[in-house]
Amino acid sequence: MPKELVVKTSRRSEFVDLTGELDAYLGEIKAQSGLLTAFVPHTTAGVTINENADPAVHRDIIEFTASLIPKGGDRDVAFQHDEGNSDAHIKSSFFSPSLTVIVEDGKMCLGTWQSVYFTEFDGPRTRKVWLKFLPG
C-alpha cells in the first residue's frame, strides 16, 4: 500500500518542497537501499527535482512556462478544453506525474543543491502524492 502525502497549495502555480516528507517516510519504513517513487494522481500537477538554494529558480520556471503556455492560449492557439485549465494540463505533462530516486543507506541520492518538488499548475488545491519504496 503506498503512503499518501497531502499537499495544500496556496497559488495557481507553485513549487512545494517535499524532500523533508520523503526523508521522514524513508525513516519511518527503515529503508536502506532501493528506489523511492513519488506519484501524483492529478492531471494538472506533477513532481520534479530542481534547485533548493535559490527560490528565484522556481519563480523563473513558473514565469517561463506561463509565457510559453499562457492560461487562455494565445492568438495562434485557442484551447478547446471547457474547464479553462488546458495550460495546467500541458504544464503537468512537461513535469511528469512521477519520479524515482535512488536510495542508499536510508538516504535519497540527491545532488548538493537538489530537492524534490510537487509542482502545482491549477491551484490553490488540496492534492495527493503517493510514495512507494522498492527495496533492492
C-alpha atoms as a PDB file:
ATOM      1  CA  MET A   1       0.000   0.000   0.000  1.00  0.00           C
ATOM      2  CA  PRO A   2       1.513   3.373  -0.963  1.00  0.00           C
ATOM      3  CA  LYS A   3       1.995   6.106   1.610  1.00  0.00           C
ATOM      4  CA  GLU A   4      -0.204   9.124   0.871  1.00  0.00           C
ATOM      5  CA  LEU A   5       1.022  12.669   1.412  1.00  0.00           C
ATOM      6  CA  VAL A   6      -1.451  15.554   1.387  1.00  0.00           C
ATOM      7  CA  VAL A   7      -0.187  18.760  -0.213  1.00  0.00           C
ATOM      8  CA  LYS A   8      -2.097  22.031   0.172  1.00  0.00           C
ATOM      9  CA  THR A   9      -1.180  24.691  -2.349  1.00  0.00           C
ATOM     10  CA  SER A  10      -1.919  28.391  -1.991  1.00  0.00           C
ATOM     11  CA  ARG A  11      -1.370  29.730  -5.525  1.00  0.00           C
ATOM     12  CA  ARG A  12      -2.343  28.756  -9.054  1.00  0.00           C
ATOM     13  CA  SER A  13       1.263  27.808  -9.840  1.00  0.00           C
ATOM     14  CA  GLU A  14       3.867  26.937  -7.241  1.00  0.00           C
ATOM     15  CA  PHE A  15       6.599  24.545  -6.182  1.00  0.00           C
ATOM     16  CA  VAL A  16       6.206  22.775  -2.828  1.00  0.00           C
ATOM     17  CA  ASP A  17       9.333  21.132  -1.387  1.00  0.00           C
ATOM     18  CA  LEU A  18       8.570  17.503  -0.488  1.00  0.00           C
ATOM     19  CA  THR A  19      12.118  16.479   0.440  1.00  0.00           C
ATOM     20  CA  GLY A  20      11.541  16.544   4.207  1.00  0.00           C
ATOM     21  CA  GLU A  21       8.388  14.429   3.929  1.00  0.00           C
ATOM     22  CA  LEU A  22      10.173  11.918   1.690  1.00  0.00           C
ATOM     23  CA  ASP A  23      13.089  11.694   4.146  1.00  0.00           C
ATOM     24  CA  ALA A  24      10.603  11.161   7.002  1.00  0.00           C
ATOM     25  CA  TYR A  25       8.876   8.365   5.058  1.00  0.00           C
ATOM     26  CA  LEU A  26      12.208   6.607   4.426  1.00  0.00           C
ATOM     27  CA  GLY A  27      12.982   6.803   8.159  1.00  0.00           C
ATOM     28  CA  GLU A  28       9.506   5.609   9.084  1.00  0.00           C
ATOM     29  CA  ILE A  29       9.845   2.443   6.976  1.00  0.00           C
ATOM     30  CA  LYS A  30      13.530   1.980   7.874  1.00  0.00           C
ATOM     31  CA  ALA A  31      14.526   1.991   4.203  1.00  0.00           C
ATOM     32  CA  GLN A  32      18.116   1.101   3.359  1.00  0.00           C
ATOM     33  CA  SER A  33      18.818   0.551  -0.363  1.00  0.00           C
ATOM     34  CA  GLY A  34      16.350   0.729  -3.221  1.00  0.00           C
ATOM     35  CA  LEU A  35      14.166   3.070  -5.227  1.00  0.00           C
ATOM     36  CA  LEU A  36      11.634   5.611  -3.991  1.00  0.00           C
ATOM     37  CA  THR A  37       8.857   6.553  -6.375  1.00  0.00           C
ATOM     38  CA  ALA A  38       6.643   9.610  -5.906  1.00  0.00           C
ATOM     39  CA  PHE A  39       3.447   9.631  -8.000  1.00  0.00           C
ATOM     40  CA  VAL A  40       0.925  12.458  -8.371  1.00  0.00           C
ATOM     41  CA  PRO A  41      -2.605  11.200  -9.233  1.00  0.00           C
ATOM     42  CA  HIS A  42      -3.675  14.522 -10.768  1.00  0.00           C
ATOM     43  CA  THR A  43      -3.658  15.797 -14.356  1.00  0.00           C
ATOM     44  CA  THR A  44      -2.762  19.417 -13.587  1.00  0.00           C
ATOM     45  CA  ALA A  45       0.177  18.878 -11.226  1.00  0.00           C
ATOM     46  CA  GLY A  46       3.423  16.949 -11.190  1.00  0.00           C
ATOM     47  CA  VAL A  47       6.749  16.315  -9.473  1.00  0.00           C
ATOM     48  CA  THR A  48      10.270  17.357 -10.336  1.00  0.00           C
ATOM     49  CA  ILE A  49      13.777  17.601  -8.923  1.00  0.00           C
ATOM     50  CA  ASN A  50      15.390  21.011  -9.024  1.00  0.00           C
ATOM     51  CA  GLU A  51      17.480  23.566  -7.138  1.00  0.00           C
ATOM     52  CA  ASN A  52      16.809  24.124  -3.444  1.00  0.00           C
ATOM     53  CA  ALA A  53      19.127  27.076  -2.731  1.00  0.00           C
ATOM     54  CA  ASP A  54      17.577  29.984  -4.632  1.00  0.00           C
ATOM     55  CA  PRO A  55      13.761  30.379  -4.739  1.00  0.00           C
ATOM     56  CA  ALA A  56      14.205  32.601  -7.802  1.00  0.00           C
ATOM     57  CA  VAL A  57      14.753  29.400  -9.798  1.00  0.00           C
ATOM     58  CA  HIS A  58      11.181  28.256  -9.064  1.00  0.00           C
ATOM     59  CA  ARG A  59       9.780  31.687  -9.908  1.00  0.00           C
ATOM     60  CA  ASP A  60      11.754  31.692 -13.171  1.00  0.00           C
ATOM     61  CA  ILE A  61      10.419  28.253 -14.112  1.00  0.00           C
ATOM     62  CA  ILE A  62       6.829  29.233 -13.293  1.00  0.00           C
ATOM     63  CA  GLU A  63       7.065  32.538 -15.180  1.00  0.00           C
ATOM     64  CA  PHE A  64       8.796  30.983 -18.188  1.00  0.00           C
ATOM     65  CA  THR A  65       6.278  28.139 -18.504  1.00  0.00           C
ATOM     66  CA  ALA A  66       3.448  30.696 -18.161  1.00  0.00           C
ATOM     67  CA  SER A  67       4.937  32.700 -21.029  1.00  0.00           C
ATOM     68  CA  LEU A  68       5.292  29.557 -23.174  1.00  0.00           C
ATOM     69  CA  ILE A  69       1.850  28.216 -22.268  1.00  0.00           C
ATOM     70  CA  PRO A  70      -0.450  31.104 -21.279  1.00  0.00           C
ATOM     71  CA  LYS A  71      -3.639  30.359 -19.328  1.00  0.00           C
ATOM     72  CA  GLY A  72      -6.056  31.123 -22.147  1.00  0.00           C
ATOM     73  CA  GLY A  73      -3.863  30.046 -25.037  1.00  0.00           C
ATOM     74  CA  ASP A  74      -2.661  32.719 -27.426  1.00  0.00           C
ATOM     75  CA  ARG A  75      -3.813  34.285 -30.685  1.00  0.00           C
ATOM     76  CA  ASP A  76      -2.469  31.324 -32.691  1.00  0.00           C
ATOM     77  CA  VAL A  77      -3.826  28.556 -30.445  1.00  0.00           C
ATOM     78  CA  ALA A  78      -7.242  28.643 -28.793  1.00  0.00           C
ATOM     79  CA  PHE A  79      -7.659  25.913 -26.171  1.00  0.00           C
ATOM     80  CA  GLN A  80     -10.737  23.722 -26.624  1.00  0.00           C
ATOM     81  CA  HIS A  81     -10.965  22.230 -23.094  1.00  0.00           C
ATOM     82  CA  ASP A  82     -14.081  23.637 -21.374  1.00  0.00           C
ATOM     83  CA  GLU A  83     -12.683  23.929 -17.849  1.00  0.00           C
ATOM     84  CA  GLY A  84     -10.267  26.740 -18.728  1.00  0.00           C
ATOM     85  CA  ASN A  85      -7.212  24.935 -17.391  1.00  0.00           C
ATOM     86  CA  SER A  86      -5.672  23.484 -20.551  1.00  0.00           C
ATOM     87  CA  ASP A  87      -2.429  25.273 -19.770  1.00  0.00           C
ATOM     88  CA  ALA A  88      -2.205  23.393 -16.460  1.00  0.00           C
ATOM     89  CA  HIS A  89      -2.700  20.040 -18.219  1.00  0.00           C
ATOM     90  CA  ILE A  90       0.072  20.843 -20.699  1.00  0.00           C
ATOM     91  CA  LYS A  91       2.476  22.071 -17.998  1.00  0.00           C
ATOM     92  CA  SER A  92       1.910  18.970 -15.868  1.00  0.00           C
ATOM     93  CA  SER A  93       2.813  16.803 -18.865  1.00  0.00           C
ATOM     94  CA  PHE A  94       6.146  18.610 -19.138  1.00  0.00           C
ATOM     95  CA  PHE A  95       6.901  17.999 -15.457  1.00  0.00           C
ATOM     96  CA  SER A  96       5.599  14.384 -15.250  1.00  0.00           C
ATOM     97  CA  PRO A  97       3.278  12.775 -12.723  1.00  0.00           C
ATOM     98  CA  SER A  98       6.058  10.655 -11.219  1.00  0.00           C
ATOM     99  CA  LEU A  99       9.746  10.377 -10.453  1.00  0.00           C
ATOM    100  CA  THR A 100      12.068   7.798  -8.993  1.00  0.00           C
ATOM    101  CA  VAL A 101      15.029   8.490  -6.705  1.00  0.00           C
ATOM    102  CA  ILE A 102      17.829   6.089  -5.776  1.00  0.00           C
ATOM    103  CA  VAL A 103      18.094   5.444  -2.025  1.00  0.00           C
ATOM    104  CA  GLU A 104      21.320   4.281  -0.340  1.00  0.00           C
ATOM    105  CA  ASP A 105      21.864   3.839   3.401  1.00  0.00           C
ATOM    106  CA  GLY A 106      18.366   5.191   4.038  1.00  0.00           C
ATOM    107  CA  LYS A 107      19.006   8.499   2.234  1.00  0.00           C
ATOM    108  CA  MET A 108      17.933   9.779  -1.165  1.00  0.00           C
ATOM    109  CA  CYS A 109      20.834  10.172  -3.584  1.00  0.00           C
ATOM    110  CA  LEU A 110      20.282  13.827  -4.441  1.00  0.00           C
ATOM    111  CA  GLY A 111      22.882  16.359  -5.501  1.00  0.00           C
ATOM    112  CA  THR A 112      24.003  19.121  -3.149  1.00  0.00           C
ATOM    113  CA  TRP A 113      21.506  21.668  -4.496  1.00  0.00           C
ATOM    114  CA  GLN A 114      18.656  19.275  -5.335  1.00  0.00           C
ATOM    115  CA  SER A 115      15.265  18.800  -3.689  1.00  0.00           C
ATOM    116  CA  VAL A 116      12.070  17.036  -4.738  1.00  0.00           C
ATOM    117  CA  TYR A 117       9.163  19.366  -5.530  1.00  0.00           C
ATOM    118  CA  PHE A 118       5.441  19.000  -6.058  1.00  0.00           C
ATOM    119  CA  THR A 119       4.525  21.283  -8.976  1.00  0.00           C
ATOM    120  CA  GLU A 120       1.077  22.900  -8.909  1.00  0.00           C
ATOM    121  CA  PHE A 121      -0.411  24.445 -12.054  1.00  0.00           C
ATOM    122  CA  ASP A 122      -4.128  24.686 -11.221  1.00  0.00           C
ATOM    123  CA  GLY A 123      -4.333  25.713  -7.591  1.00  0.00           C
ATOM    124  CA  PRO A 124      -4.912  26.526  -4.938  1.00  0.00           C
ATOM    125  CA  ARG A 125      -5.972  22.975  -4.133  1.00  0.00           C
ATOM    126  CA  THR A 126      -5.520  20.058  -1.780  1.00  0.00           C
ATOM    127  CA  ARG A 127      -3.577  17.352  -3.591  1.00  0.00           C
ATOM    128  CA  LYS A 128      -2.180  13.868  -3.037  1.00  0.00           C
ATOM    129  CA  VAL A 129       1.251  12.395  -3.629  1.00  0.00           C
ATOM    130  CA  TRP A 130       1.661   8.629  -3.317  1.00  0.00           C
ATOM    131  CA  LEU A 131       5.013   7.187  -2.216  1.00  0.00           C
ATOM    132  CA  LYS A 132       6.287   3.666  -2.765  1.00  0.00           C
ATOM    133  CA  PHE A 133       9.668   2.267  -1.735  1.00  0.00           C
ATOM    134  CA  LEU A 134      11.077  -0.698  -3.609  1.00  0.00           C
ATOM    135  CA  PRO A 135      13.970  -2.356  -1.758  1.00  0.00           C
ATOM    136  CA  GLY A 136      16.798  -3.633  -3.842  1.00  0.00           C
END
